[in-house]
Amino acid sequence: MDYAYEKLLGKHISNIRKSQNMTQDELSTKLQLEGCDITRSALAKIESGQRRIYASEIKALSSVLSISYDELLI
């Protein structure tokens, strides 16, 4: 992935989270319960485009946010 796409994807994830009235803490907790070892800090870095997202995290985000991969990966 390139840097511009990572920033765009992070912003998109942030928007989806906010549209579901969820804080970063709440989302990271739900992801952890799903088996995805991610902290609130790591999630914040993903949302700001400072950290790459892994396939296992994409899978968990899709599940926790109840959205398809197509909806997640713009």
N, C-alpha and C. Protein backbone atom coordinates (compact mmCIF):
# COMPACT_ATOMS: atom_id res chain seq x y z
N MET A 1 0.84 -1.18 0.00
CA MET A 1 0.00 0.00 0.00
C MET A 1 0.88 1.24 0.00
N ASP A 2 0.38 2.26 -0.61
CA ASP A 2 1.12 3.50 -0.57
C ASP A 2 0.60 4.39 0.55
N TYR A 3 1.39 5.39 0.89
CA TYR A 3 1.08 6.24 2.04
C TYR A 3 -0.26 6.95 1.88
N ALA A 4 -0.55 7.45 0.69
CA ALA A 4 -1.82 8.17 0.47
C ALA A 4 -3.01 7.24 0.70
N TYR A 5 -2.91 6.00 0.23
CA TYR A 5 -4.01 5.05 0.42
C TYR A 5 -4.15 4.68 1.90
N GLU A 6 -3.03 4.52 2.59
CA GLU A 6 -3.08 4.19 4.01
C GLU A 6 -3.79 5.28 4.80
N LYS A 7 -3.52 6.54 4.47
CA LYS A 7 -4.21 7.66 5.14
C LYS A 7 -5.69 7.66 4.80
N LEU A 8 -6.03 7.40 3.55
CA LEU A 8 -7.42 7.37 3.11
C LEU A 8 -8.17 6.21 3.79
N LEU A 9 -7.56 5.05 3.83
CA LEU A 9 -8.17 3.89 4.48
C LEU A 9 -8.36 4.14 5.97
N GLY A 10 -7.36 4.71 6.61
CA GLY A 10 -7.46 5.02 8.03
C GLY A 10 -8.59 5.98 8.33
N LYS A 11 -8.73 7.01 7.51
CA LYS A 11 -9.81 7.98 7.68
C LYS A 11 -11.16 7.29 7.47
N HIS A 12 -11.23 6.40 6.50
CA HIS A 12 -12.46 5.66 6.22
C HIS A 12 -12.86 4.79 7.42
N ILE A 13 -11.89 4.10 8.00
CA ILE A 13 -12.15 3.28 9.17
C ILE A 13 -12.63 4.15 10.33
N SER A 14 -12.00 5.28 10.51
CA SER A 14 -12.42 6.23 11.54
C SER A 14 -13.86 6.68 11.34
N ASN A 15 -14.21 7.01 10.10
CA ASN A 15 -15.57 7.45 9.79
C ASN A 15 -16.60 6.35 10.06
N ILE A 16 -16.26 5.12 9.70
CA ILE A 16 -17.18 4.00 9.96
C ILE A 16 -17.36 3.82 11.46
N ARG A 17 -16.26 3.86 12.20
CA ARG A 17 -16.33 3.71 13.66
C ARG A 17 -17.21 4.79 14.26
N LYS A 18 -17.00 6.02 13.84
CA LYS A 18 -17.78 7.14 14.37
C LYS A 18 -19.24 7.03 13.97
N SER A 19 -19.52 6.55 12.77
CA SER A 19 -20.91 6.41 12.33
C SER A 19 -21.66 5.38 13.17
N GLN A 20 -20.91 4.49 13.80
CA GLN A 20 -21.51 3.48 14.69
C GLN A 20 -21.43 3.91 16.15
N ASN A 21 -21.13 5.21 16.36
CA ASN A 21 -21.06 5.79 17.71
C ASN A 21 -20.15 4.99 18.64
N MET A 22 -18.96 4.68 18.13
CA MET A 22 -18.01 3.86 18.89
C MET A 22 -16.72 4.65 19.09
N THR A 23 -16.17 4.59 20.29
CA THR A 23 -14.88 5.22 20.55
C THR A 23 -13.77 4.27 20.12
N GLN A 24 -12.55 4.79 20.05
CA GLN A 24 -11.41 3.93 19.73
C GLN A 24 -11.24 2.87 20.81
N ASP A 25 -11.45 3.25 22.07
CA ASP A 25 -11.35 2.27 23.16
C ASP A 25 -12.35 1.14 22.98
N GLU A 26 -13.59 1.50 22.65
CA GLU A 26 -14.63 0.49 22.47
C GLU A 26 -14.31 -0.44 21.31
N LEU A 27 -13.86 0.14 20.20
CA LEU A 27 -13.54 -0.68 19.03
C LEU A 27 -12.35 -1.58 19.32
N SER A 28 -11.31 -1.06 19.94
CA SER A 28 -10.14 -1.90 20.22
C SER A 28 -10.50 -3.03 21.19
N THR A 29 -11.39 -2.76 22.15
CA THR A 29 -11.84 -3.81 23.07
C THR A 29 -12.60 -4.89 22.32
N LYS A 30 -13.51 -4.49 21.42
CA LYS A 30 -14.27 -5.46 20.63
C LYS A 30 -13.35 -6.27 19.73
N LEU A 31 -12.34 -5.62 19.16
CA LEU A 31 -11.38 -6.33 18.31
C LEU A 31 -10.60 -7.35 19.14
N GLN A 32 -10.21 -6.97 20.35
CA GLN A 32 -9.49 -7.90 21.23
C GLN A 32 -10.36 -9.10 21.58
N LEU A 33 -11.64 -8.86 21.84
CA LEU A 33 -12.55 -9.97 22.14
C LEU A 33 -12.72 -10.89 20.94
N GLU A 34 -12.51 -10.34 19.74
CA GLU A 34 -12.59 -11.11 18.50
C GLU A 34 -11.29 -11.89 18.24
N GLY A 35 -10.28 -11.66 19.11
CA GLY A 35 -9.00 -12.36 18.96
C GLY A 35 -7.94 -11.56 18.26
N CYS A 36 -8.21 -10.30 18.00
CA CYS A 36 -7.26 -9.42 17.32
C CYS A 36 -6.54 -8.59 18.37
N ASP A 37 -5.26 -8.83 18.55
CA ASP A 37 -4.49 -8.15 19.59
C ASP A 37 -4.09 -6.76 19.11
N ILE A 38 -4.95 -5.78 19.39
CA ILE A 38 -4.70 -4.41 18.95
C ILE A 38 -5.05 -3.46 20.10
N THR A 39 -4.19 -2.49 20.32
CA THR A 39 -4.44 -1.50 21.37
C THR A 39 -5.15 -0.28 20.79
N ARG A 40 -5.65 0.56 21.66
CA ARG A 40 -6.28 1.80 21.21
C ARG A 40 -5.25 2.66 20.49
N SER A 41 -4.03 2.67 21.00
CA SER A 41 -2.95 3.44 20.38
C SER A 41 -2.66 2.96 18.95
N ALA A 42 -2.61 1.65 18.77
CA ALA A 42 -2.37 1.09 17.44
C ALA A 42 -3.52 1.43 16.49
N LEU A 43 -4.75 1.37 17.00
CA LEU A 43 -5.91 1.73 16.20
C LEU A 43 -5.84 3.20 15.79
N ALA A 44 -5.44 4.06 16.73
CA ALA A 44 -5.31 5.49 16.42
C ALA A 44 -4.28 5.71 15.32
N LYS A 45 -3.20 4.95 15.36
CA LYS A 45 -2.16 5.08 14.32
C LYS A 45 -2.67 4.59 12.97
N ILE A 46 -3.47 3.53 12.96
CA ILE A 46 -4.06 3.05 11.71
C ILE A 46 -4.98 4.12 11.15
N GLU A 47 -5.82 4.69 12.01
CA GLU A 47 -6.79 5.70 11.56
C GLU A 47 -6.10 6.96 11.04
N SER A 48 -4.92 7.25 11.54
CA SER A 48 -4.20 8.44 11.07
C SER A 48 -3.25 8.14 9.92
N GLY A 49 -3.15 6.87 9.54
CA GLY A 49 -2.28 6.48 8.43
C GLY A 49 -0.83 6.33 8.82
N GLN A 50 -0.53 6.28 10.11
CA GLN A 50 0.84 6.15 10.58
C GLN A 50 1.28 4.70 10.75
N ARG A 51 0.34 3.77 10.66
CA ARG A 51 0.65 2.35 10.83
C ARG A 51 -0.11 1.54 9.80
N ARG A 52 0.56 0.56 9.25
CA ARG A 52 -0.09 -0.32 8.28
C ARG A 52 -1.06 -1.25 8.99
N ILE A 53 -2.05 -1.68 8.24
CA ILE A 53 -3.05 -2.58 8.78
C ILE A 53 -2.78 -3.99 8.24
N TYR A 54 -2.91 -4.97 9.11
CA TYR A 54 -2.64 -6.36 8.74
C TYR A 54 -3.92 -7.07 8.33
N ALA A 55 -3.77 -8.13 7.57
CA ALA A 55 -4.92 -8.89 7.08
C ALA A 55 -5.81 -9.38 8.22
N SER A 56 -5.23 -9.84 9.30
CA SER A 56 -6.02 -10.31 10.44
C SER A 56 -6.83 -9.17 11.05
N GLU A 57 -6.30 -7.96 11.01
CA GLU A 57 -7.01 -6.80 11.53
C GLU A 57 -8.16 -6.40 10.61
N ILE A 58 -7.95 -6.53 9.31
CA ILE A 58 -9.02 -6.24 8.35
C ILE A 58 -10.17 -7.23 8.56
N LYS A 59 -9.83 -8.49 8.74
CA LYS A 59 -10.84 -9.52 8.98
C LYS A 59 -11.63 -9.21 10.25
N ALA A 60 -10.94 -8.87 11.33
CA ALA A 60 -11.60 -8.57 12.60
C ALA A 60 -12.44 -7.30 12.49
N LEU A 61 -11.94 -6.28 11.83
CA LEU A 61 -12.71 -5.04 11.65
C LEU A 61 -13.99 -5.30 10.89
N SER A 62 -13.90 -6.09 9.84
CA SER A 62 -15.09 -6.42 9.06
C SER A 62 -16.14 -7.10 9.93
N SER A 63 -15.68 -8.02 10.77
CA SER A 63 -16.59 -8.75 11.64
C SER A 63 -17.19 -7.85 12.72
N VAL A 64 -16.35 -7.12 13.42
CA VAL A 64 -16.80 -6.28 14.54
C VAL A 64 -17.69 -5.14 14.07
N LEU A 65 -17.35 -4.55 12.93
CA LEU A 65 -18.13 -3.42 12.41
C LEU A 65 -19.33 -3.89 11.57
N SER A 66 -19.43 -5.19 11.36
CA SER A 66 -20.53 -5.80 10.58
C SER A 66 -20.64 -5.18 9.19
N ILE A 67 -19.49 -5.11 8.52
CA ILE A 67 -19.45 -4.59 7.14
C ILE A 67 -18.65 -5.56 6.28
N SER A 68 -18.90 -5.50 4.99
CA SER A 68 -18.19 -6.38 4.05
C SER A 68 -16.77 -5.84 3.82
N TYR A 69 -15.93 -6.68 3.26
CA TYR A 69 -14.59 -6.24 2.90
C TYR A 69 -14.66 -5.11 1.88
N ASP A 70 -15.60 -5.20 0.95
CA ASP A 70 -15.75 -4.15 -0.07
C ASP A 70 -16.09 -2.81 0.57
N GLU A 71 -16.94 -2.83 1.60
CA GLU A 71 -17.29 -1.60 2.30
C GLU A 71 -16.12 -1.06 3.11
N LEU A 72 -15.30 -1.96 3.62
CA LEU A 72 -14.15 -1.57 4.44
C LEU A 72 -13.00 -1.06 3.59
N LEU A 73 -12.69 -1.78 2.54
CA LEU A 73 -11.54 -1.44 1.69
C LEU A 73 -11.99 -0.59 0.51
N ILE A 74 -11.98 0.68 0.71
CA ILE A 74 -12.46 1.62 -0.31
C ILE A 74 -11.60 1.62 -1.55
